[in-house]
Amino acid sequence: MTTAALKKESHIVEYVLYVWQMEDVVRAAQFDVGALRSMFAGQEDEDLEWVLELARTMQRERLEELGHVAHVQESLTEMALLHDLLTGPMEDPAYVASFQAAESLLNELNERKMKGNFKHPVERMLTALYGWLVLRMKKEEVSLETEAAMVAIREMANALAKGHVKVYSGNA
């Protein structure tokens, strides 16, 4: 099973963030198959094949510069619907509490720091997490205020992922 498949099954938020990261890797390699292969140190495995297929999909969907592949957009839509269910008809108190703790932070980050106006809280959450991960990977300084906000946002992400496993494994 690929790393992506394991993440999709166990933590949908990590899956989306992983795909976004791999899309950036593919773009950084300029879709060069040799460069992508070299990142796997000569190991021909299912993760390499997954990345090569991701690159082909990105080219097919004309995502050479911006955007995300359709199947990850579908996961984002699925999470947005799940959020609406968990805060509405299927109310999950743990998720609602985590969302309420993160909501004002997500709104503030969206207004102050994020490029674009992300309408749904799940999209804001994912964008905030990805921005934070990129800063950390670049070893750039992250303000204490942002680090503190990320705690609540990560808790929301984890609660949503737990809800996803619960709902989609049939244990709801």
N, C-alpha and C. Protein backbone atom coordinates (compact mmCIF):
# COMPACT_ATOMS: atom_id res chain seq x y z
N MET A 1 0.85 -1.17 0.00
CA MET A 1 0.00 0.00 0.00
C MET A 1 0.90 1.25 0.00
N THR A 2 0.55 2.24 -0.79
CA THR A 2 1.36 3.46 -0.86
C THR A 2 1.21 4.30 0.40
N THR A 3 2.18 5.17 0.59
CA THR A 3 2.10 6.12 1.71
C THR A 3 0.82 6.93 1.60
N ALA A 4 0.50 7.38 0.39
CA ALA A 4 -0.72 8.17 0.18
C ALA A 4 -1.96 7.38 0.57
N ALA A 5 -2.04 6.12 0.16
CA ALA A 5 -3.20 5.30 0.48
C ALA A 5 -3.33 5.08 1.99
N LEU A 6 -2.21 4.85 2.66
CA LEU A 6 -2.24 4.68 4.12
C LEU A 6 -2.74 5.95 4.80
N LYS A 7 -2.25 7.09 4.34
CA LYS A 7 -2.68 8.36 4.92
C LYS A 7 -4.16 8.60 4.66
N LYS A 8 -4.61 8.31 3.44
CA LYS A 8 -6.01 8.52 3.10
C LYS A 8 -6.93 7.69 3.99
N GLU A 9 -6.49 6.49 4.27
CA GLU A 9 -7.30 5.58 5.09
C GLU A 9 -7.30 5.95 6.57
N SER A 10 -6.15 6.44 7.07
CA SER A 10 -6.03 6.67 8.51
C SER A 10 -6.21 8.12 8.95
N HIS A 11 -5.90 9.10 8.07
CA HIS A 11 -5.97 10.52 8.48
C HIS A 11 -6.13 11.36 7.23
N ILE A 12 -7.37 11.63 6.86
CA ILE A 12 -7.69 12.30 5.59
C ILE A 12 -7.01 13.67 5.48
N VAL A 13 -6.84 14.37 6.58
CA VAL A 13 -6.18 15.68 6.54
C VAL A 13 -4.71 15.50 6.17
N GLU A 14 -4.04 14.54 6.78
CA GLU A 14 -2.64 14.27 6.43
C GLU A 14 -2.53 13.87 4.96
N TYR A 15 -3.49 13.13 4.47
CA TYR A 15 -3.49 12.73 3.06
C TYR A 15 -3.50 13.95 2.15
N VAL A 16 -4.41 14.88 2.39
CA VAL A 16 -4.51 16.06 1.53
C VAL A 16 -3.22 16.87 1.61
N LEU A 17 -2.70 17.07 2.81
CA LEU A 17 -1.46 17.82 2.96
C LEU A 17 -0.30 17.11 2.26
N TYR A 18 -0.28 15.79 2.32
CA TYR A 18 0.76 15.00 1.65
C TYR A 18 0.67 15.18 0.13
N VAL A 19 -0.52 15.10 -0.41
CA VAL A 19 -0.68 15.26 -1.87
C VAL A 19 -0.26 16.67 -2.27
N TRP A 20 -0.66 17.67 -1.51
CA TRP A 20 -0.26 19.04 -1.84
C TRP A 20 1.27 19.16 -1.84
N GLN A 21 1.91 18.53 -0.86
CA GLN A 21 3.37 18.57 -0.79
C GLN A 21 3.98 17.86 -2.00
N MET A 22 3.44 16.71 -2.36
CA MET A 22 3.97 15.99 -3.51
C MET A 22 3.73 16.75 -4.82
N GLU A 23 2.62 17.47 -4.91
CA GLU A 23 2.39 18.32 -6.09
C GLU A 23 3.50 19.37 -6.18
N ASP A 24 3.86 19.96 -5.05
CA ASP A 24 4.94 20.94 -5.03
C ASP A 24 6.27 20.31 -5.41
N VAL A 25 6.52 19.09 -4.95
CA VAL A 25 7.75 18.38 -5.30
C VAL A 25 7.80 18.13 -6.80
N VAL A 26 6.69 17.68 -7.37
CA VAL A 26 6.63 17.41 -8.81
C VAL A 26 6.90 18.70 -9.59
N ARG A 27 6.30 19.79 -9.16
CA ARG A 27 6.54 21.08 -9.83
C ARG A 27 7.98 21.51 -9.70
N ALA A 28 8.56 21.32 -8.51
CA ALA A 28 9.96 21.70 -8.29
C ALA A 28 10.89 20.88 -9.19
N ALA A 29 10.53 19.63 -9.44
CA ALA A 29 11.31 18.77 -10.34
C ALA A 29 10.98 19.04 -11.80
N GLN A 30 10.08 19.97 -12.03
CA GLN A 30 9.64 20.35 -13.38
C GLN A 30 9.14 19.15 -14.18
N PHE A 31 8.48 18.23 -13.47
CA PHE A 31 7.86 17.06 -14.07
C PHE A 31 8.88 16.12 -14.71
N ASP A 32 10.15 16.27 -14.37
CA ASP A 32 11.23 15.45 -14.93
C ASP A 32 11.23 14.08 -14.23
N VAL A 33 10.94 13.03 -15.00
CA VAL A 33 10.85 11.68 -14.44
C VAL A 33 12.17 11.26 -13.81
N GLY A 34 13.29 11.59 -14.44
CA GLY A 34 14.60 11.24 -13.89
C GLY A 34 14.84 11.90 -12.54
N ALA A 35 14.47 13.16 -12.43
CA ALA A 35 14.64 13.87 -11.16
C ALA A 35 13.74 13.26 -10.08
N LEU A 36 12.52 12.93 -10.46
CA LEU A 36 11.61 12.31 -9.49
C LEU A 36 12.13 10.94 -9.06
N ARG A 37 12.64 10.16 -10.02
CA ARG A 37 13.20 8.84 -9.68
C ARG A 37 14.39 8.98 -8.73
N SER A 38 15.23 9.99 -8.97
CA SER A 38 16.42 10.17 -8.13
C SER A 38 16.05 10.48 -6.68
N MET A 39 14.90 11.06 -6.47
CA MET A 39 14.45 11.35 -5.10
C MET A 39 14.16 10.07 -4.31
N PHE A 40 13.96 9.00 -5.03
CA PHE A 40 13.67 7.72 -4.38
C PHE A 40 14.91 6.83 -4.31
N ALA A 41 16.07 7.43 -4.54
CA ALA A 41 17.37 6.74 -4.41
C ALA A 41 17.39 5.39 -5.13
N GLY A 42 16.84 5.37 -6.32
CA GLY A 42 16.88 4.16 -7.13
C GLY A 42 15.92 3.07 -6.71
N GLN A 43 15.12 3.30 -5.70
CA GLN A 43 14.16 2.30 -5.26
C GLN A 43 12.91 2.38 -6.12
N GLU A 44 12.65 1.35 -6.85
CA GLU A 44 11.43 1.27 -7.65
C GLU A 44 10.36 0.67 -6.77
N ASP A 45 9.50 1.52 -6.25
CA ASP A 45 8.45 1.00 -5.39
C ASP A 45 7.12 1.67 -5.71
N GLU A 46 6.10 1.29 -4.97
CA GLU A 46 4.76 1.81 -5.25
C GLU A 46 4.65 3.31 -4.97
N ASP A 47 5.44 3.84 -4.03
CA ASP A 47 5.40 5.28 -3.78
C ASP A 47 5.96 6.05 -4.98
N LEU A 48 7.02 5.57 -5.56
CA LEU A 48 7.56 6.21 -6.76
C LEU A 48 6.54 6.16 -7.88
N GLU A 49 5.93 5.02 -8.09
CA GLU A 49 4.91 4.91 -9.15
C GLU A 49 3.74 5.85 -8.87
N TRP A 50 3.39 5.99 -7.60
CA TRP A 50 2.30 6.91 -7.24
C TRP A 50 2.68 8.35 -7.60
N VAL A 51 3.91 8.76 -7.29
CA VAL A 51 4.37 10.12 -7.60
C VAL A 51 4.40 10.33 -9.11
N LEU A 52 4.88 9.34 -9.86
CA LEU A 52 4.92 9.47 -11.32
C LEU A 52 3.50 9.58 -11.89
N GLU A 53 2.57 8.84 -11.33
CA GLU A 53 1.18 8.94 -11.77
C GLU A 53 0.60 10.30 -11.39
N LEU A 54 0.97 10.80 -10.23
CA LEU A 54 0.53 12.14 -9.82
C LEU A 54 1.03 13.17 -10.83
N ALA A 55 2.27 13.06 -11.24
CA ALA A 55 2.83 14.00 -12.22
C ALA A 55 2.07 13.92 -13.54
N ARG A 56 1.77 12.71 -13.99
CA ARG A 56 1.00 12.57 -15.24
C ARG A 56 -0.40 13.18 -15.10
N THR A 57 -1.02 12.94 -13.95
CA THR A 57 -2.36 13.48 -13.70
C THR A 57 -2.31 15.00 -13.69
N MET A 58 -1.32 15.56 -13.04
CA MET A 58 -1.19 17.02 -12.99
C MET A 58 -1.04 17.60 -14.40
N GLN A 59 -0.26 16.93 -15.23
CA GLN A 59 -0.10 17.42 -16.60
C GLN A 59 -1.40 17.28 -17.39
N ARG A 60 -2.07 16.14 -17.23
CA ARG A 60 -3.35 15.92 -17.91
C ARG A 60 -4.38 16.98 -17.51
N GLU A 61 -4.36 17.35 -16.22
CA GLU A 61 -5.32 18.32 -15.70
C GLU A 61 -4.80 19.76 -15.82
N ARG A 62 -3.66 19.92 -16.49
CA ARG A 62 -3.06 21.24 -16.73
C ARG A 62 -2.78 22.00 -15.43
N LEU A 63 -2.11 21.32 -14.52
CA LEU A 63 -1.79 21.90 -13.21
C LEU A 63 -0.28 22.10 -13.05
N GLU A 64 0.38 22.44 -14.14
CA GLU A 64 1.83 22.58 -14.11
C GLU A 64 2.28 23.69 -13.15
N GLU A 65 1.48 24.73 -13.02
CA GLU A 65 1.90 25.86 -12.18
C GLU A 65 1.10 26.00 -10.90
N LEU A 66 -0.18 25.81 -10.97
CA LEU A 66 -1.05 26.01 -9.81
C LEU A 66 -2.17 25.00 -9.78
N GLY A 67 -2.77 24.88 -8.60
CA GLY A 67 -3.96 24.04 -8.47
C GLY A 67 -3.65 22.66 -7.92
N HIS A 68 -4.72 21.94 -7.67
CA HIS A 68 -4.61 20.61 -7.09
C HIS A 68 -5.39 19.60 -7.93
N VAL A 69 -4.90 18.38 -7.96
CA VAL A 69 -5.52 17.33 -8.75
C VAL A 69 -6.96 17.10 -8.30
N ALA A 70 -7.78 16.67 -9.22
CA ALA A 70 -9.22 16.51 -8.96
C ALA A 70 -9.49 15.57 -7.80
N HIS A 71 -8.74 14.46 -7.70
CA HIS A 71 -9.07 13.51 -6.63
C HIS A 71 -8.79 14.09 -5.24
N VAL A 72 -7.84 15.00 -5.11
CA VAL A 72 -7.62 15.62 -3.80
C VAL A 72 -8.66 16.71 -3.56
N GLN A 73 -9.12 17.36 -4.62
CA GLN A 73 -10.20 18.33 -4.48
C GLN A 73 -11.48 17.63 -4.02
N GLU A 74 -11.68 16.40 -4.50
CA GLU A 74 -12.84 15.61 -4.06
C GLU A 74 -12.74 15.30 -2.56
N SER A 75 -11.53 15.00 -2.09
CA SER A 75 -11.33 14.75 -0.66
C SER A 75 -11.60 16.01 0.15
N LEU A 76 -11.21 17.16 -0.37
CA LEU A 76 -11.47 18.42 0.31
C LEU A 76 -12.99 18.66 0.40
N THR A 77 -13.69 18.41 -0.69
CA THR A 77 -15.15 18.56 -0.70
C THR A 77 -15.79 17.59 0.29
N GLU A 78 -15.30 16.37 0.31
CA GLU A 78 -15.80 15.36 1.24
C GLU A 78 -15.60 15.82 2.69
N MET A 79 -14.43 16.39 2.98
CA MET A 79 -14.18 16.87 4.35
C MET A 79 -15.07 18.06 4.69
N ALA A 80 -15.32 18.93 3.72
CA ALA A 80 -16.21 20.07 3.96
C ALA A 80 -17.62 19.58 4.28
N LEU A 81 -18.09 18.60 3.53
CA LEU A 81 -19.41 18.01 3.81
C LEU A 81 -19.43 17.34 5.18
N LEU A 82 -18.36 16.64 5.50
CA LEU A 82 -18.26 15.98 6.80
C LEU A 82 -18.29 17.02 7.92
N HIS A 83 -17.55 18.11 7.74
CA HIS A 83 -17.56 19.20 8.72
C HIS A 83 -19.00 19.67 8.95
N ASP A 84 -19.71 19.89 7.85
CA ASP A 84 -21.09 20.37 7.96
C ASP A 84 -21.98 19.35 8.67
N LEU A 85 -21.74 18.06 8.44
CA LEU A 85 -22.49 17.01 9.14
C LEU A 85 -22.16 16.97 10.63
N LEU A 86 -20.85 17.06 10.93
CA LEU A 86 -20.41 16.93 12.33
C LEU A 86 -20.77 18.15 13.17
N THR A 87 -21.00 19.29 12.51
CA THR A 87 -21.43 20.48 13.25
C THR A 87 -22.94 20.68 13.13
N GLY A 88 -23.60 19.78 12.41
CA GLY A 88 -25.04 19.88 12.20
C GLY A 88 -25.75 18.60 12.56
N PRO A 89 -26.33 17.93 11.56
CA PRO A 89 -27.21 16.78 11.81
C PRO A 89 -26.59 15.62 12.60
N MET A 90 -25.31 15.37 12.39
CA MET A 90 -24.63 14.26 13.11
C MET A 90 -23.76 14.82 14.22
N GLU A 91 -24.17 15.86 14.85
CA GLU A 91 -23.33 16.62 15.77
C GLU A 91 -22.40 15.74 16.59
N ASP A 92 -21.12 16.05 16.48
CA ASP A 92 -20.07 15.38 17.23
C ASP A 92 -19.50 16.40 18.22
N PRO A 93 -19.82 16.27 19.50
CA PRO A 93 -19.40 17.28 20.47
C PRO A 93 -17.89 17.55 20.48
N ALA A 94 -17.09 16.51 20.32
CA ALA A 94 -15.63 16.70 20.31
C ALA A 94 -15.20 17.53 19.11
N TYR A 95 -15.79 17.23 17.96
CA TYR A 95 -15.43 18.01 16.77
C TYR A 95 -15.92 19.45 16.89
N VAL A 96 -17.14 19.62 17.34
CA VAL A 96 -17.71 20.96 17.48
C VAL A 96 -16.83 21.80 18.40
N ALA A 97 -16.41 21.23 19.52
CA ALA A 97 -15.55 21.96 20.47
C ALA A 97 -14.23 22.33 19.83
N SER A 98 -13.63 21.40 19.08
CA SER A 98 -12.34 21.71 18.44
C SER A 98 -12.51 22.77 17.36
N PHE A 99 -13.60 22.69 16.62
CA PHE A 99 -13.85 23.70 15.60
C PHE A 99 -14.08 25.07 16.23
N GLN A 100 -14.87 25.12 17.29
CA GLN A 100 -15.14 26.39 17.95
C GLN A 100 -13.85 27.01 18.49
N ALA A 101 -12.93 26.18 18.98
CA ALA A 101 -11.65 26.68 19.49
C ALA A 101 -10.78 27.24 18.36
N ALA A 102 -10.91 26.70 17.17
CA ALA A 102 -10.07 27.12 16.04
C ALA A 102 -10.72 28.17 15.15
N GLU A 103 -12.03 28.29 15.20
CA GLU A 103 -12.76 29.11 14.23
C GLU A 103 -12.28 30.56 14.16
N SER A 104 -12.17 31.23 15.28
CA SER A 104 -11.75 32.64 15.23
C SER A 104 -10.32 32.77 14.75
N LEU A 105 -9.47 31.79 15.08
CA LEU A 105 -8.08 31.80 14.62
C LEU A 105 -8.02 31.63 13.11
N LEU A 106 -8.84 30.73 12.59
CA LEU A 106 -8.90 30.52 11.14
C LEU A 106 -9.38 31.78 10.43
N ASN A 107 -10.39 32.42 11.00
CA ASN A 107 -10.90 33.66 10.41
C ASN A 107 -9.83 34.74 10.41
N GLU A 108 -9.13 34.85 11.53
CA GLU A 108 -8.08 35.87 11.63
C GLU A 108 -6.93 35.59 10.67
N LEU A 109 -6.48 34.34 10.61
CA LEU A 109 -5.41 33.99 9.67
C LEU A 109 -5.84 34.26 8.23
N ASN A 110 -7.08 33.94 7.92
CA ASN A 110 -7.58 34.15 6.57
C ASN A 110 -7.55 35.64 6.21
N GLU A 111 -7.95 36.47 7.15
CA GLU A 111 -7.98 37.91 6.89
C GLU A 111 -6.59 38.52 6.81
N ARG A 112 -5.66 38.05 7.66
CA ARG A 112 -4.36 38.69 7.78
C ARG A 112 -3.27 38.09 6.93
N LYS A 113 -3.20 36.78 6.83
CA LYS A 113 -2.00 36.16 6.30
C LYS A 113 -2.18 35.33 5.04
N MET A 114 -3.34 34.74 4.86
CA MET A 114 -3.51 33.84 3.72
C MET A 114 -3.82 34.63 2.47
N LYS A 115 -3.27 34.16 1.37
CA LYS A 115 -3.59 34.78 0.09
C LYS A 115 -4.87 34.16 -0.41
N GLY A 116 -5.83 34.98 -0.68
CA GLY A 116 -7.12 34.47 -1.14
C GLY A 116 -8.14 34.53 -0.02
N ASN A 117 -9.35 34.31 -0.39
CA ASN A 117 -10.43 34.34 0.59
C ASN A 117 -11.08 32.96 0.58
N PHE A 118 -10.70 32.13 1.54
CA PHE A 118 -11.18 30.77 1.59
C PHE A 118 -12.49 30.74 2.35
N LYS A 119 -13.52 30.30 1.70
CA LYS A 119 -14.86 30.40 2.25
C LYS A 119 -15.16 29.35 3.32
N HIS A 120 -14.82 28.11 3.06
CA HIS A 120 -15.19 27.04 4.00
C HIS A 120 -14.11 26.87 5.07
N PRO A 121 -14.52 26.63 6.32
CA PRO A 121 -13.55 26.45 7.40
C PRO A 121 -12.54 25.33 7.15
N VAL A 122 -12.94 24.26 6.47
CA VAL A 122 -12.02 23.17 6.20
C VAL A 122 -10.92 23.63 5.23
N GLU A 123 -11.28 24.40 4.24
CA GLU A 123 -10.29 24.93 3.31
C GLU A 123 -9.33 25.87 4.03
N ARG A 124 -9.86 26.69 4.94
CA ARG A 124 -9.00 27.58 5.73
C ARG A 124 -8.06 26.76 6.62
N MET A 125 -8.60 25.71 7.23
CA MET A 125 -7.79 24.85 8.10
C MET A 125 -6.63 24.23 7.32
N LEU A 126 -6.95 23.64 6.17
CA LEU A 126 -5.92 22.98 5.37
C LEU A 126 -4.87 23.97 4.88
N THR A 127 -5.31 25.14 4.44
CA THR A 127 -4.38 26.14 3.95
C THR A 127 -3.47 26.64 5.07
N ALA A 128 -4.04 26.83 6.25
CA ALA A 128 -3.23 27.26 7.41
C ALA A 128 -2.20 26.18 7.76
N LEU A 129 -2.64 24.94 7.81
CA LEU A 129 -1.72 23.85 8.15
C LEU A 129 -0.61 23.72 7.10
N TYR A 130 -0.98 23.82 5.85
CA TYR A 130 0.04 23.66 4.81
C TYR A 130 1.04 24.82 4.84
N GLY A 131 0.55 26.03 5.03
CA GLY A 131 1.45 27.17 5.14
C GLY A 131 2.42 27.01 6.30
N TRP A 132 1.89 26.55 7.43
CA TRP A 132 2.72 26.32 8.61
C TRP A 132 3.76 25.23 8.35
N LEU A 133 3.34 24.15 7.70
CA LEU A 133 4.29 23.07 7.38
C LEU A 133 5.39 23.56 6.44
N VAL A 134 5.03 24.34 5.44
CA VAL A 134 6.04 24.86 4.50
C VAL A 134 7.04 25.74 5.24
N LEU A 135 6.54 26.61 6.11
CA LEU A 135 7.46 27.46 6.89
C LEU A 135 8.41 26.62 7.73
N ARG A 136 7.88 25.61 8.36
CA ARG A 136 8.73 24.74 9.19
C ARG A 136 9.73 23.96 8.35
N MET A 137 9.32 23.48 7.17
CA MET A 137 10.25 22.75 6.31
C MET A 137 11.37 23.66 5.81
N LYS A 138 11.05 24.93 5.58
CA LYS A 138 12.06 25.90 5.14
C LYS A 138 12.89 26.41 6.31
N LYS A 139 12.54 25.96 7.52
CA LYS A 139 13.19 26.38 8.75
C LYS A 139 13.10 27.89 8.93
N GLU A 140 11.97 28.46 8.50
CA GLU A 140 11.72 29.88 8.69
C GLU A 140 11.09 30.09 10.06
N GLU A 141 11.26 31.27 10.57
CA GLU A 141 10.71 31.59 11.89
C GLU A 141 9.19 31.68 11.82
N VAL A 142 8.56 31.06 12.80
CA VAL A 142 7.11 31.12 12.93
C VAL A 142 6.84 31.83 14.24
N SER A 143 6.00 32.85 14.20
CA SER A 143 5.73 33.63 15.41
C SER A 143 5.09 32.76 16.48
N LEU A 144 5.29 33.17 17.72
CA LEU A 144 4.67 32.45 18.84
C LEU A 144 3.15 32.49 18.73
N GLU A 145 2.63 33.60 18.25
CA GLU A 145 1.18 33.74 18.07
C GLU A 145 0.66 32.70 17.06
N THR A 146 1.39 32.54 15.96
CA THR A 146 0.98 31.57 14.94
C THR A 146 1.13 30.15 15.48
N GLU A 147 2.22 29.86 16.18
CA GLU A 147 2.41 28.53 16.76
C GLU A 147 1.27 28.19 17.71
N ALA A 148 0.87 29.17 18.53
CA ALA A 148 -0.23 28.93 19.47
C ALA A 148 -1.53 28.67 18.72
N ALA A 149 -1.77 29.42 17.66
CA ALA A 149 -2.99 29.22 16.87
C ALA A 149 -2.98 27.84 16.22
N MET A 150 -1.82 27.38 15.82
CA MET A 150 -1.73 26.10 15.12
C MET A 150 -2.10 24.93 16.02
N VAL A 151 -1.95 25.07 17.32
CA VAL A 151 -2.34 23.99 18.24
C VAL A 151 -3.83 23.72 18.09
N ALA A 152 -4.64 24.77 18.16
CA ALA A 152 -6.09 24.59 18.02
C ALA A 152 -6.46 24.10 16.63
N ILE A 153 -5.78 24.59 15.62
CA ILE A 153 -6.08 24.18 14.25
C ILE A 153 -5.71 22.72 14.03
N ARG A 154 -4.59 22.28 14.60
CA ARG A 154 -4.22 20.86 14.49
C ARG A 154 -5.23 19.99 15.23
N GLU A 155 -5.71 20.45 16.37
CA GLU A 155 -6.72 19.67 17.11
C GLU A 155 -8.00 19.54 16.29
N MET A 156 -8.38 20.60 15.61
CA MET A 156 -9.55 20.54 14.73
C MET A 156 -9.31 19.52 13.61
N ALA A 157 -8.12 19.57 13.01
CA ALA A 157 -7.78 18.65 11.93
C ALA A 157 -7.83 17.20 12.41
N ASN A 158 -7.29 16.95 13.58
CA ASN A 158 -7.30 15.58 14.12
C ASN A 158 -8.71 15.12 14.43
N ALA A 159 -9.54 16.01 14.97
CA ALA A 159 -10.93 15.64 15.27
C ALA A 159 -11.71 15.37 13.98
N LEU A 160 -11.44 16.16 12.94
CA LEU A 160 -12.10 15.92 11.65
C LEU A 160 -11.66 14.58 11.06
N ALA A 161 -10.37 14.29 11.16
CA ALA A 161 -9.87 13.01 10.64
C ALA A 161 -10.48 11.83 11.39
N LYS A 162 -10.62 11.97 12.70
CA LYS A 162 -11.27 10.90 13.48
C LYS A 162 -12.72 10.74 13.05
N GLY A 163 -13.40 11.85 12.84
CA GLY A 163 -14.78 11.79 12.36
C GLY A 163 -14.87 11.13 11.00
N HIS A 164 -13.89 11.38 10.15
CA HIS A 164 -13.85 10.79 8.81
C HIS A 164 -13.73 9.27 8.90
N VAL A 165 -12.80 8.82 9.73
CA VAL A 165 -12.63 7.37 9.90
C VAL A 165 -13.92 6.75 10.45
N LYS A 166 -14.51 7.41 11.43
CA LYS A 166 -15.74 6.91 12.07
C LYS A 166 -16.88 6.81 11.05
N VAL A 167 -17.10 7.88 10.31
CA VAL A 167 -18.22 7.91 9.36
C VAL A 167 -17.99 6.98 8.18
N TYR A 168 -16.77 6.98 7.64
CA TYR A 168 -16.52 6.20 6.43
C TYR A 168 -16.16 4.76 6.68
N SER A 169 -15.93 4.40 7.96
CA SER A 169 -15.71 2.98 8.25
C SER A 169 -17.01 2.32 8.68
N GLY A 170 -18.08 3.12 8.74
CA GLY A 170 -19.39 2.57 9.06
C GLY A 170 -19.66 2.47 10.55
N ASN A 171 -18.84 3.13 11.36
CA ASN A 171 -19.02 3.05 12.82
C ASN A 171 -19.75 4.26 13.38
N ALA A 172 -20.40 5.03 12.52
CA ALA A 172 -21.07 6.26 12.99
C ALA A 172 -22.40 5.92 13.65
